Amino acid sequence: MGVSSARISRARARDAIALLALERMVLNEGRFFVRMADEAPDLASMDRSIADYLQSENAVMLAARVDGAVVGVIRMTGGALKRTRHSAKLEVLVHPSYRGKGHGRDLMAAGLAWARRTPQIQRVALCVFADNIDALAMYERLGFVEEGRRIGEYREADGTLRDDVMLALSV
């Protein structure tokens, strides 16, 4: 694994176009996320999302930048209800050209550090396709524990069923 040279900080309004392009690129790969590329948000939605994260007490969106360009993002979103505010859902995306260089690891470290500093957050949870072996290995190295599987939860266009793995980490 390479050494990351990314600078990680909160996503800003001026990042909206770059974040949207990154999300569409990763979703267009069609392998890692439930949403498809044509289900990506539009620019107005991304602008609202960034603004919401900046104002939230139990959610954060962090961007990884290399030479000023956004190459990755992590979103940690605490629940909106009283009974779910303590649990943050995690989603991380890294530009294909920047994978394997430590940017995902650094985004995860920054996100988990935020979660540990945030009094409302007690656990971080995520779902990942069971066949995404690299992601599963990274999450397990970070201490995430499998809480369950949903067999055949997702159906691909060709009819192939994919399992969903639910993982969580107490912070």
N, C-alpha and C. Protein backbone atom coordinates (compact mmCIF):
# COMPACT_ATOMS: atom_id res chain seq x y z
N MET A 1 0.85 -1.18 0.00
CA MET A 1 0.00 0.00 0.00
C MET A 1 0.89 1.23 0.00
N GLY A 2 0.52 2.21 -0.81
CA GLY A 2 1.29 3.44 -0.91
C GLY A 2 1.02 4.36 0.25
N VAL A 3 1.76 5.44 0.28
CA VAL A 3 1.61 6.44 1.32
C VAL A 3 0.74 7.56 0.80
N SER A 4 -0.29 7.88 1.52
CA SER A 4 -1.23 8.92 1.10
C SER A 4 -0.60 10.30 1.22
N SER A 5 -0.85 11.12 0.22
CA SER A 5 -0.41 12.51 0.27
C SER A 5 -1.62 13.45 0.27
N ALA A 6 -2.76 12.90 0.63
CA ALA A 6 -3.99 13.68 0.61
C ALA A 6 -4.13 14.55 1.85
N ARG A 7 -4.79 15.68 1.65
CA ARG A 7 -5.18 16.55 2.76
C ARG A 7 -6.67 16.31 2.95
N ILE A 8 -7.06 16.02 4.17
CA ILE A 8 -8.46 15.71 4.46
C ILE A 8 -9.07 16.80 5.31
N SER A 9 -10.21 17.30 4.84
CA SER A 9 -10.93 18.35 5.57
C SER A 9 -12.41 18.26 5.21
N ARG A 10 -13.20 19.03 5.93
CA ARG A 10 -14.65 19.03 5.65
C ARG A 10 -14.93 19.44 4.21
N ALA A 11 -15.90 18.78 3.62
CA ALA A 11 -16.34 19.17 2.28
C ALA A 11 -16.96 20.56 2.36
N ARG A 12 -16.71 21.35 1.34
CA ARG A 12 -17.20 22.73 1.29
C ARG A 12 -18.12 22.90 0.09
N ALA A 13 -18.87 23.97 0.11
CA ALA A 13 -19.81 24.24 -0.98
C ALA A 13 -19.10 24.25 -2.33
N ARG A 14 -17.90 24.79 -2.37
CA ARG A 14 -17.19 24.87 -3.65
C ARG A 14 -16.71 23.51 -4.14
N ASP A 15 -16.84 22.46 -3.31
CA ASP A 15 -16.47 21.10 -3.72
C ASP A 15 -17.61 20.37 -4.43
N ALA A 16 -18.79 20.95 -4.50
CA ALA A 16 -19.98 20.23 -4.98
C ALA A 16 -19.78 19.62 -6.36
N ILE A 17 -19.26 20.36 -7.30
CA ILE A 17 -19.10 19.83 -8.67
C ILE A 17 -18.11 18.67 -8.67
N ALA A 18 -17.00 18.82 -7.96
CA ALA A 18 -15.99 17.75 -7.92
C ALA A 18 -16.53 16.52 -7.20
N LEU A 19 -17.27 16.71 -6.12
CA LEU A 19 -17.84 15.58 -5.40
C LEU A 19 -18.87 14.85 -6.24
N LEU A 20 -19.67 15.60 -6.96
CA LEU A 20 -20.67 15.01 -7.84
C LEU A 20 -20.00 14.19 -8.95
N ALA A 21 -18.94 14.74 -9.54
CA ALA A 21 -18.21 14.02 -10.60
C ALA A 21 -17.59 12.73 -10.03
N LEU A 22 -17.01 12.81 -8.83
CA LEU A 22 -16.43 11.64 -8.20
C LEU A 22 -17.49 10.58 -7.95
N GLU A 23 -18.61 10.99 -7.40
CA GLU A 23 -19.68 10.05 -7.10
C GLU A 23 -20.19 9.37 -8.37
N ARG A 24 -20.41 10.15 -9.41
CA ARG A 24 -20.89 9.57 -10.67
C ARG A 24 -19.87 8.60 -11.26
N MET A 25 -18.58 8.94 -11.17
CA MET A 25 -17.54 8.06 -11.70
C MET A 25 -17.53 6.72 -10.97
N VAL A 26 -17.57 6.77 -9.63
CA VAL A 26 -17.54 5.54 -8.85
C VAL A 26 -18.82 4.74 -9.07
N LEU A 27 -19.96 5.41 -9.07
CA LEU A 27 -21.22 4.70 -9.30
C LEU A 27 -21.26 4.09 -10.71
N ASN A 28 -20.64 4.75 -11.66
CA ASN A 28 -20.63 4.25 -13.03
C ASN A 28 -19.87 2.93 -13.15
N GLU A 29 -18.96 2.66 -12.21
CA GLU A 29 -18.27 1.37 -12.20
C GLU A 29 -19.26 0.23 -11.97
N GLY A 30 -20.35 0.54 -11.27
CA GLY A 30 -21.42 -0.43 -11.08
C GLY A 30 -21.10 -1.61 -10.17
N ARG A 31 -20.03 -1.54 -9.39
CA ARG A 31 -19.61 -2.69 -8.60
C ARG A 31 -19.75 -2.52 -7.10
N PHE A 32 -19.63 -1.31 -6.61
CA PHE A 32 -19.43 -1.14 -5.18
C PHE A 32 -20.63 -0.59 -4.42
N PHE A 33 -21.58 0.03 -5.09
CA PHE A 33 -22.67 0.70 -4.39
C PHE A 33 -24.02 0.22 -4.90
N VAL A 34 -25.01 0.30 -4.04
CA VAL A 34 -26.36 -0.09 -4.41
C VAL A 34 -26.91 0.86 -5.47
N ARG A 35 -26.66 2.15 -5.29
CA ARG A 35 -27.12 3.13 -6.27
C ARG A 35 -26.37 2.96 -7.58
N MET A 36 -27.06 3.20 -8.67
CA MET A 36 -26.45 3.16 -10.00
C MET A 36 -26.11 4.59 -10.41
N ALA A 37 -25.29 4.72 -11.45
CA ALA A 37 -24.83 6.05 -11.89
C ALA A 37 -26.00 6.97 -12.21
N ASP A 38 -27.05 6.44 -12.81
CA ASP A 38 -28.19 7.29 -13.16
C ASP A 38 -29.05 7.64 -11.94
N GLU A 39 -28.66 7.15 -10.77
CA GLU A 39 -29.35 7.48 -9.53
C GLU A 39 -28.53 8.43 -8.65
N ALA A 40 -27.45 8.93 -9.22
CA ALA A 40 -26.61 9.90 -8.50
C ALA A 40 -27.40 11.20 -8.32
N PRO A 41 -27.07 11.95 -7.29
CA PRO A 41 -27.78 13.22 -7.07
C PRO A 41 -27.44 14.23 -8.17
N ASP A 42 -28.26 15.26 -8.25
CA ASP A 42 -27.93 16.36 -9.16
C ASP A 42 -27.16 17.41 -8.36
N LEU A 43 -26.73 18.46 -9.03
CA LEU A 43 -25.89 19.47 -8.37
C LEU A 43 -26.63 20.17 -7.23
N ALA A 44 -27.89 20.47 -7.43
CA ALA A 44 -28.66 21.13 -6.36
C ALA A 44 -28.74 20.24 -5.13
N SER A 45 -28.94 18.95 -5.33
CA SER A 45 -29.00 18.01 -4.20
C SER A 45 -27.66 17.92 -3.49
N MET A 46 -26.57 17.91 -4.28
CA MET A 46 -25.24 17.85 -3.67
C MET A 46 -24.98 19.12 -2.86
N ASP A 47 -25.36 20.28 -3.40
CA ASP A 47 -25.21 21.53 -2.66
C ASP A 47 -25.95 21.47 -1.32
N ARG A 48 -27.21 21.00 -1.35
CA ARG A 48 -28.01 20.89 -0.12
C ARG A 48 -27.37 19.90 0.85
N SER A 49 -26.88 18.79 0.32
CA SER A 49 -26.26 17.77 1.16
C SER A 49 -25.04 18.32 1.89
N ILE A 50 -24.18 19.03 1.17
CA ILE A 50 -22.99 19.61 1.79
C ILE A 50 -23.40 20.59 2.89
N ALA A 51 -24.37 21.44 2.59
CA ALA A 51 -24.85 22.41 3.58
C ALA A 51 -25.40 21.70 4.81
N ASP A 52 -26.17 20.63 4.60
CA ASP A 52 -26.72 19.87 5.73
C ASP A 52 -25.61 19.27 6.59
N TYR A 53 -24.60 18.69 5.95
CA TYR A 53 -23.48 18.10 6.71
C TYR A 53 -22.74 19.17 7.51
N LEU A 54 -22.56 20.34 6.92
CA LEU A 54 -21.84 21.41 7.62
C LEU A 54 -22.59 21.89 8.85
N GLN A 55 -23.91 21.75 8.86
CA GLN A 55 -24.72 22.23 9.98
C GLN A 55 -25.05 21.14 11.00
N SER A 56 -24.79 19.90 10.69
CA SER A 56 -25.21 18.79 11.53
C SER A 56 -24.28 18.59 12.74
N GLU A 57 -24.88 18.18 13.85
CA GLU A 57 -24.13 17.85 15.05
C GLU A 57 -23.67 16.39 15.05
N ASN A 58 -24.34 15.54 14.26
CA ASN A 58 -24.00 14.12 14.30
C ASN A 58 -23.74 13.53 12.91
N ALA A 59 -23.23 14.38 12.01
CA ALA A 59 -22.88 13.91 10.67
C ALA A 59 -21.71 14.74 10.15
N VAL A 60 -20.91 14.12 9.29
CA VAL A 60 -19.78 14.84 8.70
C VAL A 60 -19.51 14.30 7.30
N MET A 61 -19.11 15.19 6.41
CA MET A 61 -18.63 14.82 5.08
C MET A 61 -17.22 15.37 4.96
N LEU A 62 -16.26 14.46 4.78
CA LEU A 62 -14.86 14.85 4.65
C LEU A 62 -14.37 14.52 3.25
N ALA A 63 -13.59 15.42 2.68
CA ALA A 63 -13.04 15.21 1.34
C ALA A 63 -11.53 15.04 1.44
N ALA A 64 -11.00 14.13 0.63
CA ALA A 64 -9.55 13.96 0.49
C ALA A 64 -9.14 14.70 -0.77
N ARG A 65 -8.12 15.54 -0.63
CA ARG A 65 -7.65 16.34 -1.77
C ARG A 65 -6.18 16.06 -2.01
N VAL A 66 -5.81 15.90 -3.28
CA VAL A 66 -4.42 15.78 -3.69
C VAL A 66 -4.17 16.89 -4.69
N ASP A 67 -3.22 17.75 -4.37
CA ASP A 67 -2.93 18.92 -5.22
C ASP A 67 -4.21 19.72 -5.51
N GLY A 68 -5.08 19.82 -4.51
CA GLY A 68 -6.30 20.59 -4.62
C GLY A 68 -7.48 19.87 -5.24
N ALA A 69 -7.24 18.72 -5.88
CA ALA A 69 -8.32 17.97 -6.53
C ALA A 69 -8.95 16.98 -5.54
N VAL A 70 -10.27 16.90 -5.54
CA VAL A 70 -10.98 15.95 -4.68
C VAL A 70 -10.80 14.55 -5.24
N VAL A 71 -10.21 13.65 -4.43
CA VAL A 71 -9.96 12.28 -4.88
C VAL A 71 -10.73 11.25 -4.05
N GLY A 72 -11.39 11.70 -2.99
CA GLY A 72 -12.16 10.78 -2.16
C GLY A 72 -13.06 11.54 -1.21
N VAL A 73 -14.04 10.82 -0.69
CA VAL A 73 -14.98 11.43 0.25
C VAL A 73 -15.47 10.35 1.21
N ILE A 74 -15.69 10.74 2.45
CA ILE A 74 -16.34 9.88 3.43
C ILE A 74 -17.51 10.65 4.00
N ARG A 75 -18.63 9.97 4.11
CA ARG A 75 -19.83 10.53 4.74
C ARG A 75 -20.17 9.66 5.92
N MET A 76 -20.34 10.30 7.07
CA MET A 76 -20.78 9.61 8.27
C MET A 76 -22.03 10.34 8.74
N THR A 77 -23.14 9.63 8.72
CA THR A 77 -24.44 10.25 8.94
C THR A 77 -25.15 9.62 10.13
N GLY A 78 -25.22 10.38 11.22
CA GLY A 78 -25.96 9.91 12.39
C GLY A 78 -27.46 9.94 12.10
N GLY A 79 -28.18 9.10 12.80
CA GLY A 79 -29.62 9.02 12.59
C GLY A 79 -30.34 10.31 12.96
N ALA A 80 -31.49 10.51 12.34
CA ALA A 80 -32.29 11.71 12.58
C ALA A 80 -33.24 11.55 13.77
N LEU A 81 -33.52 10.31 14.15
CA LEU A 81 -34.46 10.04 15.23
C LEU A 81 -33.72 9.92 16.57
N LYS A 82 -34.41 10.17 17.64
CA LYS A 82 -33.78 10.10 18.97
C LYS A 82 -33.12 8.75 19.22
N ARG A 83 -33.76 7.69 18.76
CA ARG A 83 -33.23 6.34 19.00
C ARG A 83 -32.11 5.95 18.03
N THR A 84 -31.84 6.78 17.03
CA THR A 84 -30.80 6.43 16.06
C THR A 84 -29.69 7.47 15.97
N ARG A 85 -29.78 8.55 16.74
CA ARG A 85 -28.77 9.62 16.66
C ARG A 85 -27.36 9.14 17.00
N HIS A 86 -27.26 8.08 17.79
CA HIS A 86 -25.96 7.58 18.25
C HIS A 86 -25.23 6.73 17.21
N SER A 87 -25.91 6.35 16.16
CA SER A 87 -25.35 5.41 15.18
C SER A 87 -25.15 6.11 13.84
N ALA A 88 -23.89 6.20 13.41
CA ALA A 88 -23.57 6.86 12.14
C ALA A 88 -23.43 5.82 11.04
N LYS A 89 -24.08 6.06 9.93
CA LYS A 89 -23.93 5.23 8.74
C LYS A 89 -22.77 5.77 7.93
N LEU A 90 -21.91 4.89 7.48
CA LEU A 90 -20.68 5.27 6.80
C LEU A 90 -20.74 4.92 5.32
N GLU A 91 -20.23 5.84 4.50
CA GLU A 91 -20.06 5.59 3.07
C GLU A 91 -18.75 6.26 2.65
N VAL A 92 -17.90 5.55 1.94
CA VAL A 92 -16.62 6.10 1.50
C VAL A 92 -16.44 5.80 0.02
N LEU A 93 -15.96 6.80 -0.73
CA LEU A 93 -15.69 6.66 -2.16
C LEU A 93 -14.29 7.19 -2.44
N VAL A 94 -13.54 6.48 -3.26
CA VAL A 94 -12.22 6.94 -3.67
C VAL A 94 -12.13 6.82 -5.19
N HIS A 95 -11.59 7.85 -5.81
CA HIS A 95 -11.39 7.87 -7.26
C HIS A 95 -10.59 6.63 -7.67
N PRO A 96 -10.99 5.94 -8.74
CA PRO A 96 -10.28 4.72 -9.14
C PRO A 96 -8.77 4.89 -9.30
N SER A 97 -8.32 6.01 -9.81
CA SER A 97 -6.89 6.23 -10.03
C SER A 97 -6.12 6.44 -8.73
N TYR A 98 -6.83 6.66 -7.63
CA TYR A 98 -6.18 6.95 -6.36
C TYR A 98 -6.35 5.82 -5.34
N ARG A 99 -6.94 4.72 -5.75
CA ARG A 99 -7.10 3.58 -4.84
C ARG A 99 -5.76 2.89 -4.64
N GLY A 100 -5.62 2.27 -3.48
CA GLY A 100 -4.41 1.54 -3.17
C GLY A 100 -3.25 2.43 -2.77
N LYS A 101 -3.51 3.70 -2.55
CA LYS A 101 -2.46 4.66 -2.19
C LYS A 101 -2.63 5.17 -0.76
N GLY A 102 -3.58 4.60 -0.02
CA GLY A 102 -3.78 4.98 1.37
C GLY A 102 -4.83 6.05 1.60
N HIS A 103 -5.45 6.54 0.53
CA HIS A 103 -6.44 7.61 0.71
C HIS A 103 -7.71 7.10 1.41
N GLY A 104 -8.16 5.91 1.06
CA GLY A 104 -9.33 5.34 1.74
C GLY A 104 -9.05 5.12 3.21
N ARG A 105 -7.86 4.59 3.51
CA ARG A 105 -7.45 4.37 4.91
C ARG A 105 -7.42 5.69 5.66
N ASP A 106 -6.88 6.73 5.02
CA ASP A 106 -6.80 8.03 5.69
C ASP A 106 -8.18 8.66 5.88
N LEU A 107 -9.06 8.49 4.91
CA LEU A 107 -10.43 8.97 5.07
C LEU A 107 -11.11 8.25 6.22
N MET A 108 -10.92 6.93 6.29
CA MET A 108 -11.51 6.16 7.39
C MET A 108 -10.97 6.61 8.73
N ALA A 109 -9.65 6.83 8.81
CA ALA A 109 -9.05 7.27 10.08
C ALA A 109 -9.62 8.62 10.49
N ALA A 110 -9.74 9.54 9.54
CA ALA A 110 -10.28 10.87 9.87
C ALA A 110 -11.75 10.77 10.27
N GLY A 111 -12.51 9.95 9.57
CA GLY A 111 -13.92 9.78 9.91
C GLY A 111 -14.11 9.15 11.28
N LEU A 112 -13.32 8.13 11.57
CA LEU A 112 -13.44 7.47 12.88
C LEU A 112 -12.97 8.39 14.00
N ALA A 113 -11.95 9.20 13.73
CA ALA A 113 -11.50 10.18 14.73
C ALA A 113 -12.62 11.17 15.01
N TRP A 114 -13.30 11.63 13.96
CA TRP A 114 -14.45 12.53 14.15
C TRP A 114 -15.50 11.84 15.02
N ALA A 115 -15.82 10.57 14.70
CA ALA A 115 -16.86 9.85 15.45
C ALA A 115 -16.48 9.74 16.93
N ARG A 116 -15.22 9.47 17.20
CA ARG A 116 -14.78 9.34 18.59
C ARG A 116 -14.83 10.66 19.35
N ARG A 117 -14.69 11.78 18.64
CA ARG A 117 -14.75 13.11 19.27
C ARG A 117 -16.18 13.62 19.40
N THR A 118 -17.12 12.98 18.74
CA THR A 118 -18.50 13.48 18.68
C THR A 118 -19.35 12.76 19.73
N PRO A 119 -19.76 13.48 20.77
CA PRO A 119 -20.45 12.83 21.89
C PRO A 119 -21.71 12.05 21.49
N GLN A 120 -22.43 12.50 20.47
CA GLN A 120 -23.66 11.83 20.07
C GLN A 120 -23.41 10.46 19.43
N ILE A 121 -22.22 10.26 18.87
CA ILE A 121 -21.95 9.04 18.11
C ILE A 121 -21.32 7.98 19.01
N GLN A 122 -21.93 6.80 19.04
CA GLN A 122 -21.40 5.68 19.83
C GLN A 122 -21.03 4.49 18.96
N ARG A 123 -21.56 4.46 17.73
CA ARG A 123 -21.22 3.36 16.83
C ARG A 123 -21.24 3.85 15.40
N VAL A 124 -20.47 3.17 14.57
CA VAL A 124 -20.43 3.46 13.14
C VAL A 124 -20.79 2.16 12.43
N ALA A 125 -21.74 2.23 11.51
CA ALA A 125 -22.22 1.04 10.82
C ALA A 125 -22.16 1.26 9.32
N LEU A 126 -22.07 0.16 8.59
CA LEU A 126 -22.05 0.24 7.13
C LEU A 126 -22.51 -1.09 6.56
N CYS A 127 -22.83 -1.06 5.29
CA CYS A 127 -23.14 -2.26 4.53
C CYS A 127 -22.21 -2.31 3.34
N VAL A 128 -21.82 -3.52 2.97
CA VAL A 128 -20.91 -3.69 1.83
C VAL A 128 -21.29 -4.99 1.12
N PHE A 129 -21.15 -5.00 -0.20
CA PHE A 129 -21.40 -6.23 -0.94
C PHE A 129 -20.44 -7.31 -0.44
N ALA A 130 -20.93 -8.52 -0.27
CA ALA A 130 -20.12 -9.63 0.25
C ALA A 130 -18.95 -9.96 -0.66
N ASP A 131 -19.05 -9.64 -1.95
CA ASP A 131 -17.96 -9.95 -2.87
C ASP A 131 -16.93 -8.81 -2.99
N ASN A 132 -17.09 -7.75 -2.20
CA ASN A 132 -16.12 -6.66 -2.19
C ASN A 132 -15.05 -6.99 -1.13
N ILE A 133 -14.22 -7.94 -1.48
CA ILE A 133 -13.24 -8.51 -0.56
C ILE A 133 -12.27 -7.46 -0.02
N ASP A 134 -11.78 -6.56 -0.88
CA ASP A 134 -10.83 -5.54 -0.43
C ASP A 134 -11.44 -4.64 0.64
N ALA A 135 -12.68 -4.20 0.41
CA ALA A 135 -13.35 -3.34 1.38
C ALA A 135 -13.59 -4.09 2.69
N LEU A 136 -14.06 -5.33 2.60
CA LEU A 136 -14.28 -6.12 3.81
C LEU A 136 -13.00 -6.27 4.62
N ALA A 137 -11.90 -6.52 3.94
CA ALA A 137 -10.62 -6.68 4.64
C ALA A 137 -10.22 -5.38 5.34
N MET A 138 -10.40 -4.24 4.66
CA MET A 138 -10.05 -2.97 5.28
C MET A 138 -10.90 -2.72 6.52
N TYR A 139 -12.21 -2.93 6.41
CA TYR A 139 -13.09 -2.68 7.55
C TYR A 139 -12.74 -3.60 8.71
N GLU A 140 -12.43 -4.85 8.42
CA GLU A 140 -12.07 -5.77 9.50
C GLU A 140 -10.75 -5.36 10.15
N ARG A 141 -9.78 -4.89 9.37
CA ARG A 141 -8.51 -4.40 9.94
C ARG A 141 -8.75 -3.23 10.88
N LEU A 142 -9.78 -2.44 10.58
CA LEU A 142 -10.10 -1.28 11.41
C LEU A 142 -10.93 -1.64 12.64
N GLY A 143 -11.31 -2.91 12.77
CA GLY A 143 -12.04 -3.35 13.95
C GLY A 143 -13.54 -3.51 13.77
N PHE A 144 -14.04 -3.30 12.56
CA PHE A 144 -15.46 -3.51 12.32
C PHE A 144 -15.79 -4.99 12.45
N VAL A 145 -16.96 -5.29 12.98
CA VAL A 145 -17.41 -6.66 13.22
C VAL A 145 -18.66 -6.91 12.38
N GLU A 146 -18.69 -8.07 11.76
CA GLU A 146 -19.88 -8.43 10.99
C GLU A 146 -21.05 -8.66 11.93
N GLU A 147 -22.18 -8.00 11.64
CA GLU A 147 -23.38 -8.16 12.45
C GLU A 147 -24.44 -9.00 11.76
N GLY A 148 -24.25 -9.23 10.48
CA GLY A 148 -25.22 -10.05 9.78
C GLY A 148 -25.07 -9.95 8.27
N ARG A 149 -25.82 -10.80 7.58
CA ARG A 149 -25.82 -10.81 6.12
C ARG A 149 -27.26 -10.87 5.64
N ARG A 150 -27.48 -10.19 4.55
CA ARG A 150 -28.77 -10.27 3.88
C ARG A 150 -28.49 -10.99 2.56
N ILE A 151 -28.91 -12.23 2.51
CA ILE A 151 -28.63 -13.11 1.37
C ILE A 151 -29.52 -12.72 0.19
N GLY A 152 -28.88 -12.50 -0.97
CA GLY A 152 -29.62 -12.16 -2.17
C GLY A 152 -30.35 -10.83 -2.09
N GLU A 153 -29.86 -9.92 -1.29
CA GLU A 153 -30.53 -8.63 -1.05
C GLU A 153 -30.62 -7.78 -2.31
N TYR A 154 -29.61 -7.87 -3.17
CA TYR A 154 -29.57 -7.01 -4.36
C TYR A 154 -29.54 -7.85 -5.62
N ARG A 155 -30.25 -7.37 -6.64
CA ARG A 155 -30.32 -8.08 -7.92
C ARG A 155 -29.73 -7.22 -9.01
N GLU A 156 -28.76 -7.79 -9.71
CA GLU A 156 -28.13 -7.10 -10.83
C GLU A 156 -29.03 -7.18 -12.07
N ALA A 157 -28.73 -6.39 -13.07
CA ALA A 157 -29.53 -6.35 -14.30
C ALA A 157 -29.61 -7.72 -14.97
N ASP A 158 -28.56 -8.53 -14.84
CA ASP A 158 -28.55 -9.86 -15.47
C ASP A 158 -29.24 -10.92 -14.60
N GLY A 159 -29.80 -10.52 -13.45
CA GLY A 159 -30.49 -11.43 -12.56
C GLY A 159 -29.64 -12.00 -11.44
N THR A 160 -28.32 -11.78 -11.49
CA THR A 160 -27.43 -12.25 -10.43
C THR A 160 -27.79 -11.59 -9.10
N LEU A 161 -27.85 -12.41 -8.06
CA LEU A 161 -28.14 -11.89 -6.72
C LEU A 161 -26.83 -11.70 -5.96
N ARG A 162 -26.77 -10.62 -5.20
CA ARG A 162 -25.58 -10.32 -4.40
C ARG A 162 -25.98 -10.17 -2.94
N ASP A 163 -25.12 -10.67 -2.08
CA ASP A 163 -25.37 -10.59 -0.64
C ASP A 163 -24.84 -9.28 -0.08
N ASP A 164 -25.46 -8.83 1.00
CA ASP A 164 -25.08 -7.60 1.69
C ASP A 164 -24.55 -7.98 3.07
N VAL A 165 -23.39 -7.42 3.43
CA VAL A 165 -22.79 -7.68 4.74
C VAL A 165 -22.94 -6.42 5.58
N MET A 166 -23.49 -6.57 6.77
CA MET A 166 -23.64 -5.46 7.70
C MET A 166 -22.52 -5.52 8.74
N LEU A 167 -21.80 -4.40 8.87
CA LEU A 167 -20.67 -4.30 9.80
C LEU A 167 -20.86 -3.11 10.71
N ALA A 168 -20.27 -3.18 11.90
CA ALA A 168 -20.34 -2.04 12.81
C ALA A 168 -19.11 -2.03 13.72
N LEU A 169 -18.86 -0.84 14.26
CA LEU A 169 -17.74 -0.60 15.17
C LEU A 169 -18.23 0.30 16.28
N SER A 170 -17.99 -0.09 17.53
CA SER A 170 -18.31 0.78 18.67
C SER A 170 -17.18 1.81 18.80
N VAL A 171 -17.56 3.07 18.96
CA VAL A 171 -16.55 4.12 19.12
C VAL A 171 -16.74 4.80 20.46
